[in-house]
N, C-alpha and C. Protein backbone atom coordinates (compact mmCIF):
# COMPACT_ATOMS: atom_id res chain seq x y z
N MET A 1 57.17 98.72 90.74
CA MET A 1 56.80 99.58 91.98
C MET A 1 57.47 100.73 92.08
N PHE A 2 57.06 102.09 92.37
CA PHE A 2 57.46 103.22 92.05
C PHE A 2 58.27 103.67 93.38
N GLN A 3 58.99 104.42 93.05
CA GLN A 3 60.54 104.58 93.81
C GLN A 3 60.65 106.21 94.02
N ALA A 4 61.52 106.87 95.19
CA ALA A 4 61.35 107.99 95.25
C ALA A 4 61.78 108.84 94.66
N LYS A 5 62.77 108.29 93.31
CA LYS A 5 63.50 109.08 92.27
C LYS A 5 62.02 109.40 91.17
N ASP A 6 61.47 108.58 91.61
CA ASP A 6 60.14 108.74 90.36
C ASP A 6 59.24 109.85 90.33
N ILE A 7 59.26 110.21 91.67
CA ILE A 7 58.05 111.77 91.71
C ILE A 7 59.22 112.93 92.78
N MET A 8 59.92 112.05 92.85
CA MET A 8 61.08 113.41 93.80
C MET A 8 61.49 114.75 93.11
N THR A 9 61.51 115.93 93.87
CA THR A 9 61.88 117.41 92.90
C THR A 9 63.49 117.03 92.88
N GLU A 10 63.81 117.09 92.07
CA GLU A 10 65.42 117.34 91.38
C GLU A 10 66.08 118.16 91.21
N ASP A 11 65.65 119.40 90.99
CA ASP A 11 66.32 120.50 91.08
C ASP A 11 65.94 121.36 92.07
N VAL A 12 66.75 121.49 93.32
CA VAL A 12 66.56 121.49 94.39
C VAL A 12 67.22 122.83 94.75
N PHE A 13 66.56 123.91 95.22
CA PHE A 13 67.46 124.97 95.79
C PHE A 13 67.86 124.76 97.23
N THR A 14 69.13 124.90 97.10
CA THR A 14 70.12 124.77 98.52
C THR A 14 70.62 126.07 99.61
N LEU A 15 70.96 125.97 100.63
CA LEU A 15 71.58 126.79 101.19
C LEU A 15 72.99 126.31 101.08
N ARG A 16 74.06 127.18 101.86
CA ARG A 16 75.17 126.76 102.64
C ARG A 16 75.04 126.96 103.62
N GLU A 17 76.14 126.38 104.59
CA GLU A 17 76.10 126.79 106.52
C GLU A 17 76.17 128.66 106.39
N THR A 18 76.70 128.91 105.67
CA THR A 18 77.11 130.72 105.65
C THR A 18 76.24 131.20 105.03
N ASP A 19 75.38 130.80 104.45
CA ASP A 19 74.38 131.67 104.34
C ASP A 19 73.18 132.18 105.43
N THR A 20 72.59 133.58 105.09
CA THR A 20 72.40 134.18 106.24
C THR A 20 70.95 133.90 106.48
N LEU A 21 70.18 133.96 108.01
CA LEU A 21 68.41 134.13 107.76
C LEU A 21 67.89 134.39 107.11
N SER A 22 68.32 136.08 106.89
CA SER A 22 67.72 136.82 105.69
C SER A 22 67.73 136.02 104.57
N THR A 23 68.58 135.48 104.08
CA THR A 23 68.64 134.82 102.63
C THR A 23 67.91 133.80 102.69
N ALA A 24 67.63 132.51 103.47
CA ALA A 24 66.59 131.53 103.63
C ALA A 24 65.29 132.06 103.64
N ARG A 25 64.99 133.20 104.28
CA ARG A 25 63.77 133.91 104.32
C ARG A 25 63.05 134.48 103.19
N ASP A 26 64.16 134.84 102.34
CA ASP A 26 64.11 135.35 101.36
C ASP A 26 63.97 134.85 99.75
N LEU A 27 64.61 133.25 99.94
CA LEU A 27 64.72 132.24 99.05
C LEU A 27 63.18 131.55 99.14
N MET A 28 62.64 131.25 101.05
CA MET A 28 61.06 130.56 100.84
C MET A 28 60.28 131.53 100.48
N ASN A 29 60.26 132.93 100.82
CA ASN A 29 59.39 133.59 100.08
C ASN A 29 59.32 133.96 98.65
N LEU A 30 60.02 134.32 97.89
CA LEU A 30 60.27 133.98 96.31
C LEU A 30 60.05 132.66 95.99
N LEU A 31 60.34 131.88 96.13
CA LEU A 31 60.18 130.11 95.27
C LEU A 31 58.80 129.65 96.03
N ARG A 32 58.28 130.29 96.99
CA ARG A 32 57.00 129.66 97.48
C ARG A 32 57.30 128.38 98.20
N ILE A 33 58.54 128.20 98.79
CA ILE A 33 58.57 126.81 99.31
C ILE A 33 58.77 126.89 100.94
N ARG A 34 58.82 125.53 101.82
CA ARG A 34 58.88 125.46 102.92
C ARG A 34 59.79 124.74 103.67
N HIS A 35 60.75 124.11 102.19
CA HIS A 35 61.95 123.49 103.26
C HIS A 35 63.68 123.70 102.16
N ILE A 36 64.39 123.86 102.92
CA ILE A 36 65.58 124.12 101.81
C ILE A 36 66.30 123.31 102.82
N PRO A 37 67.25 122.22 101.91
CA PRO A 37 68.45 121.73 102.24
C PRO A 37 69.31 122.45 102.31
N VAL A 38 70.49 122.04 103.32
CA VAL A 38 71.53 122.54 103.48
C VAL A 38 72.57 121.70 102.98
N VAL A 39 73.81 122.16 102.01
CA VAL A 39 74.82 121.43 101.60
C VAL A 39 76.08 122.04 101.73
N ASP A 40 77.26 121.27 101.86
CA ASP A 40 78.76 121.48 101.92
C ASP A 40 78.96 122.05 100.48
N ASP A 41 80.16 122.61 100.49
CA ASP A 41 80.94 122.64 98.75
C ASP A 41 80.60 121.67 97.96
N HIS A 42 80.85 120.40 98.58
CA HIS A 42 80.70 119.42 97.53
C HIS A 42 79.37 118.66 97.65
N GLY A 43 78.64 119.08 97.55
CA GLY A 43 76.77 118.84 97.37
C GLY A 43 76.67 118.00 98.57
N ARG A 44 77.45 117.85 99.22
CA ARG A 44 76.53 116.53 100.74
C ARG A 44 76.02 117.22 101.27
N PHE A 45 74.84 116.94 102.01
CA PHE A 45 73.89 117.09 102.38
C PHE A 45 74.17 117.22 104.21
N VAL A 46 73.92 118.38 104.68
CA VAL A 46 74.29 118.77 106.07
C VAL A 46 73.45 119.10 107.42
N GLY A 47 72.45 119.88 106.29
CA GLY A 47 70.94 120.01 107.18
C GLY A 47 69.77 120.49 106.22
N LEU A 48 68.95 120.71 107.04
CA LEU A 48 67.83 121.42 106.68
C LEU A 48 67.22 122.60 107.27
N VAL A 49 66.98 123.83 106.39
CA VAL A 49 65.95 124.93 107.15
C VAL A 49 64.73 124.64 106.53
N THR A 50 63.76 124.78 107.86
CA THR A 50 62.53 125.01 107.49
C THR A 50 61.52 126.09 107.53
N HIS A 51 60.76 126.55 107.55
CA HIS A 51 59.77 127.70 107.49
C HIS A 51 59.75 127.59 108.78
N ARG A 52 59.18 126.67 109.54
CA ARG A 52 59.31 126.45 111.14
C ARG A 52 60.63 127.15 111.91
N ASP A 53 61.59 126.87 111.27
CA ASP A 53 63.34 127.48 111.69
C ASP A 53 63.16 128.85 111.84
N ILE A 54 62.70 129.43 110.47
CA ILE A 54 63.18 130.31 110.08
C ILE A 54 62.14 131.30 111.49
N LEU A 55 60.75 131.12 111.57
CA LEU A 55 60.02 131.46 112.28
C LEU A 55 60.24 131.59 113.69
N ALA A 56 61.24 130.53 114.08
CA ALA A 56 61.58 130.12 115.51
C ALA A 56 62.61 131.36 115.65
N ALA A 57 63.73 131.80 114.45
CA ALA A 57 64.81 132.41 114.73
C ALA A 57 64.65 133.83 114.40
N THR A 58 63.47 134.17 113.59
CA THR A 58 63.38 135.41 113.46
C THR A 58 63.40 136.28 114.56
N VAL A 59 63.96 137.63 114.65
CA VAL A 59 64.29 138.38 115.68
C VAL A 59 63.08 139.35 115.88
N SER A 60 61.98 139.63 116.79
CA SER A 60 60.96 140.57 116.91
C SER A 60 61.83 141.96 117.02
N ARG A 61 61.00 142.82 116.08
CA ARG A 61 61.55 143.79 115.74
C ARG A 61 60.82 145.03 117.36
N PRO A 62 61.69 145.45 118.13
CA PRO A 62 61.14 146.35 118.61
C PRO A 62 60.27 147.77 117.85
N ALA A 63 59.34 148.66 118.53
CA ALA A 63 58.93 149.70 117.66
C ALA A 63 59.75 150.38 117.28
N ASP A 64 61.06 151.14 118.61
CA ASP A 64 61.69 151.81 118.18
C ASP A 64 62.89 151.69 117.22
N MET A 65 63.22 150.14 116.51
CA MET A 65 64.08 149.96 115.67
C MET A 65 63.80 150.00 114.43
N ALA A 66 64.52 150.79 113.63
CA ALA A 66 64.81 151.13 111.99
C ALA A 66 64.83 149.57 111.81
N ALA A 67 63.74 149.50 110.70
CA ALA A 67 63.95 148.43 109.49
C ALA A 67 65.10 148.39 108.90
N THR A 68 66.16 148.86 108.56
CA THR A 68 67.24 148.71 108.20
C THR A 68 68.14 147.95 109.51
N ALA A 69 68.21 148.25 110.47
CA ALA A 69 68.80 147.51 111.54
C ALA A 69 68.51 146.64 111.82
N HIS A 70 67.07 146.09 111.95
CA HIS A 70 66.54 144.81 111.98
C HIS A 70 67.01 143.90 110.75
N LYS A 71 67.09 144.04 109.47
CA LYS A 71 67.68 143.82 108.39
C LYS A 71 68.86 143.05 108.63
N GLU A 72 69.92 143.91 109.24
CA GLU A 72 71.18 143.98 109.37
C GLU A 72 71.27 142.21 110.14
N ILE A 73 70.80 142.84 111.67
CA ILE A 73 70.18 141.77 112.49
C ILE A 73 70.67 140.15 111.97
N GLU A 74 69.06 140.41 110.68
CA GLU A 74 69.07 138.99 110.74
C GLU A 74 70.09 138.32 109.33
N ALA A 75 70.80 139.40 109.00
CA ALA A 75 71.55 139.51 108.14
C ALA A 75 72.94 138.85 108.66
N ALA A 76 72.88 139.07 109.98
CA ALA A 76 74.02 138.32 110.43
C ALA A 76 74.19 136.85 110.95
N ILE A 77 72.94 136.42 111.17
CA ILE A 77 72.72 135.06 111.65
C ILE A 77 72.57 133.99 110.60
N PRO A 78 74.06 133.45 110.34
CA PRO A 78 74.19 132.14 109.77
C PRO A 78 73.02 131.18 109.71
N VAL A 79 72.82 130.43 108.56
CA VAL A 79 71.64 129.35 108.52
C VAL A 79 72.76 128.14 109.71
N PHE A 80 73.94 127.91 109.61
CA PHE A 80 74.49 126.71 110.61
C PHE A 80 73.86 126.97 112.32
N GLU A 81 73.57 128.09 112.52
CA GLU A 81 72.68 128.55 113.93
C GLU A 81 71.30 127.77 113.83
N ILE A 82 70.88 128.07 112.86
CA ILE A 82 69.02 127.33 113.04
C ILE A 82 68.75 126.16 112.38
N MET A 83 69.95 125.85 111.58
CA MET A 83 69.54 124.75 110.51
C MET A 83 69.43 123.03 111.70
N GLN A 84 68.49 122.40 111.16
CA GLN A 84 68.24 121.23 111.45
C GLN A 84 69.40 119.87 110.88
N ARG A 85 70.64 119.78 112.38
CA ARG A 85 71.53 118.62 111.73
C ARG A 85 70.97 117.13 111.73
N GLU A 86 69.88 117.13 112.52
CA GLU A 86 69.70 115.43 112.36
C GLU A 86 68.34 115.34 111.66
N VAL A 87 68.41 114.93 110.45
CA VAL A 87 67.30 115.15 109.59
C VAL A 87 66.97 113.38 108.82
N THR A 88 66.04 113.06 108.84
CA THR A 88 65.82 112.02 108.18
C THR A 88 65.97 111.84 106.68
N THR A 89 66.65 110.98 106.32
CA THR A 89 66.72 110.77 104.93
C THR A 89 66.46 109.99 103.85
N ILE A 90 66.55 109.50 103.08
CA ILE A 90 65.95 108.51 102.42
C ILE A 90 67.13 108.25 100.99
N ALA A 91 67.33 107.19 100.75
CA ALA A 91 67.78 107.09 99.01
C ALA A 91 66.74 107.03 97.93
N GLU A 92 67.29 106.96 96.90
CA GLU A 92 66.44 107.40 95.94
C GLU A 92 65.66 105.96 95.49
N ASP A 93 65.80 105.08 95.66
CA ASP A 93 65.65 103.79 95.24
C ASP A 93 64.29 103.48 96.34
N THR A 94 64.30 104.37 97.76
CA THR A 94 63.33 104.10 98.37
C THR A 94 61.71 103.81 98.01
N SER A 95 61.05 102.93 98.16
CA SER A 95 59.74 102.57 97.84
C SER A 95 58.75 104.27 98.22
N LEU A 96 57.72 104.14 97.21
CA LEU A 96 57.10 105.78 97.96
C LEU A 96 56.26 104.72 99.19
N GLU A 97 55.83 104.03 98.81
CA GLU A 97 55.15 103.45 100.34
C GLU A 97 56.23 103.40 101.57
N GLU A 98 56.83 103.47 101.50
CA GLU A 98 58.40 103.11 102.74
C GLU A 98 58.50 104.70 102.66
N ALA A 99 58.08 105.59 101.50
CA ALA A 99 58.64 107.00 102.26
C ALA A 99 57.54 107.72 102.60
N LEU A 100 56.09 107.61 102.33
CA LEU A 100 55.16 108.17 102.76
C LEU A 100 55.05 107.66 104.10
N ARG A 101 55.48 106.39 104.63
CA ARG A 101 55.25 105.66 105.82
C ARG A 101 55.86 106.85 106.99
N VAL A 102 57.40 107.17 106.19
CA VAL A 102 58.39 107.78 106.79
C VAL A 102 58.12 109.00 107.31
N LEU A 103 57.25 109.82 106.39
CA LEU A 103 56.56 110.90 106.28
C LEU A 103 55.77 110.90 107.38
N LEU A 104 54.77 110.53 107.26
CA LEU A 104 53.51 110.47 108.12
C LEU A 104 53.89 109.89 109.86
N ARG A 105 54.70 109.12 109.87
CA ARG A 105 55.27 108.64 111.10
C ARG A 105 55.93 109.66 111.70
N GLY A 106 56.57 110.54 111.10
CA GLY A 106 57.23 111.31 111.68
C GLY A 106 56.69 112.89 111.72
N LYS A 107 55.83 113.00 111.13
CA LYS A 107 55.10 114.24 111.03
C LYS A 107 56.16 114.98 110.29
N PHE A 108 56.86 114.70 108.97
CA PHE A 108 57.83 115.40 108.05
C PHE A 108 57.27 116.14 107.28
N GLY A 109 57.33 117.08 106.56
CA GLY A 109 57.15 117.65 105.45
C GLY A 109 57.74 117.73 104.44
N CYS A 110 59.01 116.86 104.44
CA CYS A 110 59.71 116.23 103.50
C CYS A 110 60.99 115.63 103.69
N LEU A 111 61.34 115.10 102.93
CA LEU A 111 62.51 114.13 103.24
C LEU A 111 63.65 114.36 101.90
N PRO A 112 64.74 114.74 102.63
CA PRO A 112 66.23 115.06 101.30
C PRO A 112 66.09 113.36 101.03
N VAL A 113 66.28 113.36 99.84
CA VAL A 113 66.33 112.27 98.78
C VAL A 113 68.25 112.39 99.06
N VAL A 114 69.29 111.32 99.47
CA VAL A 114 70.58 111.19 99.54
C VAL A 114 70.92 110.00 98.54
N ARG A 115 72.27 110.55 97.60
CA ARG A 115 72.93 109.39 97.14
C ARG A 115 74.28 109.37 97.40
N HIS A 116 74.68 108.39 98.04
CA HIS A 116 76.35 108.72 98.72
C HIS A 116 76.93 109.70 99.86
N GLY A 117 75.64 110.22 100.66
CA GLY A 117 75.77 111.05 101.38
C GLY A 117 75.63 112.87 100.66
N LYS A 118 75.39 112.62 99.02
CA LYS A 118 75.25 113.74 98.31
C LYS A 118 73.59 114.18 98.39
N LEU A 119 73.40 115.03 98.43
CA LEU A 119 71.88 115.59 97.87
C LEU A 119 71.41 115.53 96.57
N CYS A 120 70.10 114.62 95.82
CA CYS A 120 69.85 114.63 94.84
C CYS A 120 69.01 114.97 94.32
N GLY A 121 68.06 115.36 95.53
CA GLY A 121 66.94 115.57 94.99
C GLY A 121 66.00 115.66 96.46
N ILE A 122 64.51 116.47 96.47
CA ILE A 122 63.93 115.84 97.78
C ILE A 122 62.22 115.60 97.72
N LEU A 123 61.87 115.25 98.56
CA LEU A 123 60.53 114.64 98.40
C LEU A 123 59.43 115.13 99.48
N THR A 124 58.76 115.89 99.15
CA THR A 124 57.96 116.44 100.04
C THR A 124 56.16 116.12 99.41
N GLU A 125 55.79 116.96 100.86
CA GLU A 125 54.20 116.49 100.91
C GLU A 125 53.51 116.90 99.67
N ALA A 126 54.24 118.25 98.86
CA ALA A 126 53.32 118.51 97.28
C ALA A 126 53.63 117.36 96.12
N ASP A 127 55.06 116.44 96.25
CA ASP A 127 55.12 115.82 95.06
C ASP A 127 54.12 114.90 95.68
N PHE A 128 53.70 114.11 96.91
CA PHE A 128 52.84 112.87 97.29
C PHE A 128 51.54 113.43 96.30
N LEU A 129 50.86 114.83 96.70
CA LEU A 129 49.98 115.44 96.16
C LEU A 129 49.81 115.58 94.76
N ARG A 130 50.74 115.72 94.30
CA ARG A 130 50.52 115.95 92.77
C ARG A 130 50.81 114.67 92.16
N LEU A 131 51.13 113.74 92.59
CA LEU A 131 51.02 111.83 92.14
C LEU A 131 49.60 111.51 92.08
N THR A 132 49.00 111.91 93.53
CA THR A 132 47.42 111.70 93.92
C THR A 132 46.47 112.31 92.75
N LEU A 133 46.99 113.54 92.28
CA LEU A 133 46.19 114.15 91.49
C LEU A 133 46.44 113.57 90.01
N GLN A 134 47.52 113.34 89.39
CA GLN A 134 47.75 112.69 88.51
C GLN A 134 46.92 111.36 88.36
N LEU A 135 46.73 110.26 89.45
CA LEU A 135 46.30 109.38 89.50
C LEU A 135 44.36 108.84 89.30
N LEU A 136 44.44 110.59 90.23
CA LEU A 136 42.52 110.51 89.98
C LEU A 136 42.26 111.20 88.60
N GLU A 137 43.02 112.14 88.06
CA GLU A 137 43.10 112.16 86.71
C GLU A 137 42.95 110.98 85.69
N THR A 138 43.72 110.10 85.90
CA THR A 138 43.89 108.98 85.08
C THR A 138 42.44 108.39 85.57
N ALA A 139 42.19 107.33 86.43
CA ALA A 139 41.16 106.90 87.39
C ALA A 139 40.04 107.24 86.59
N ALA A 140 39.95 108.78 86.27
CA ALA A 140 38.21 109.32 85.83
C ALA A 140 38.38 109.06 84.65
N ASN A 141 39.46 109.37 83.68
CA ASN A 141 39.71 108.86 82.03
C ASN A 141 39.41 107.65 81.73
N GLN A 142 39.70 106.47 82.58
CA GLN A 142 39.30 105.12 82.25
C GLN A 142 37.73 104.99 82.14
N PRO A 143 37.54 103.95 81.30
CA PRO A 143 36.27 103.71 81.10
C PRO A 143 35.63 102.87 82.32
N ARG A 144 34.64 103.21 82.73
CA ARG A 144 34.13 102.69 84.11
C ARG A 144 33.45 101.19 83.37
N ALA A 145 33.83 100.09 84.57
CA ALA A 145 32.92 98.65 84.06
C ALA A 145 31.70 99.24 84.49
N ARG A 146 30.93 98.06 83.51
CA ARG A 146 29.48 98.24 83.80
C ARG A 146 28.81 97.11 85.24
N ARG A 147 28.16 97.96 85.97
CA ARG A 147 27.78 96.99 87.06
C ARG A 147 26.99 95.58 86.29
N LEU A 148 27.44 94.04 86.83
CA LEU A 148 26.66 93.26 86.23
C LEU A 148 25.39 92.90 87.29
N PRO A 149 24.50 92.56 86.61
CA PRO A 149 23.16 92.20 87.59
C PRO A 149 23.42 91.25 88.68
N ARG A 150 22.91 91.41 89.93
CA ARG A 150 23.11 90.22 90.89
C ARG A 150 22.39 89.07 90.75
N PRO A 151 23.19 87.97 90.79
CA PRO A 151 22.29 86.59 90.52
C PRO A 151 21.42 86.71 91.60
N SER A 152 20.26 85.94 91.04
CA SER A 152 19.01 85.78 92.27
C SER A 152 19.47 84.79 92.99
N LEU A 153 19.22 84.42 94.00
CA LEU A 153 19.58 83.53 94.34
C LEU A 153 18.15 82.35 94.97
């Protein structure tokens, strides 16, 4: 049986609670990702920042405000003010079937994977899409069984 550790992303970009809104946004834009786990100095998972969190916390820029002033405001907002603290996580030995059920039931975009409270990976919708593509490619390369004629009754 496949487990979360078999398809999860292990090299996860993370934030600290003291990082800023602008740092989180820049990292998401640069890496083209929508979820960034937040860890403490010991690698323990403490929260999650999502693209939606960034959008909700973004300060609207009035027409008369300089771009630099706007950036300074967002650079002063720490991640701990916008991150989600109550986040569903899974263990690395969680079956993929169960992980997918959790994602679908909760309408989550990702599941942080933890081992003894420490972040060891992240399982995202993209990981499941990659798995689906691999399975489809494998199935396409398998010889197709010939249809046997139906027996006459």
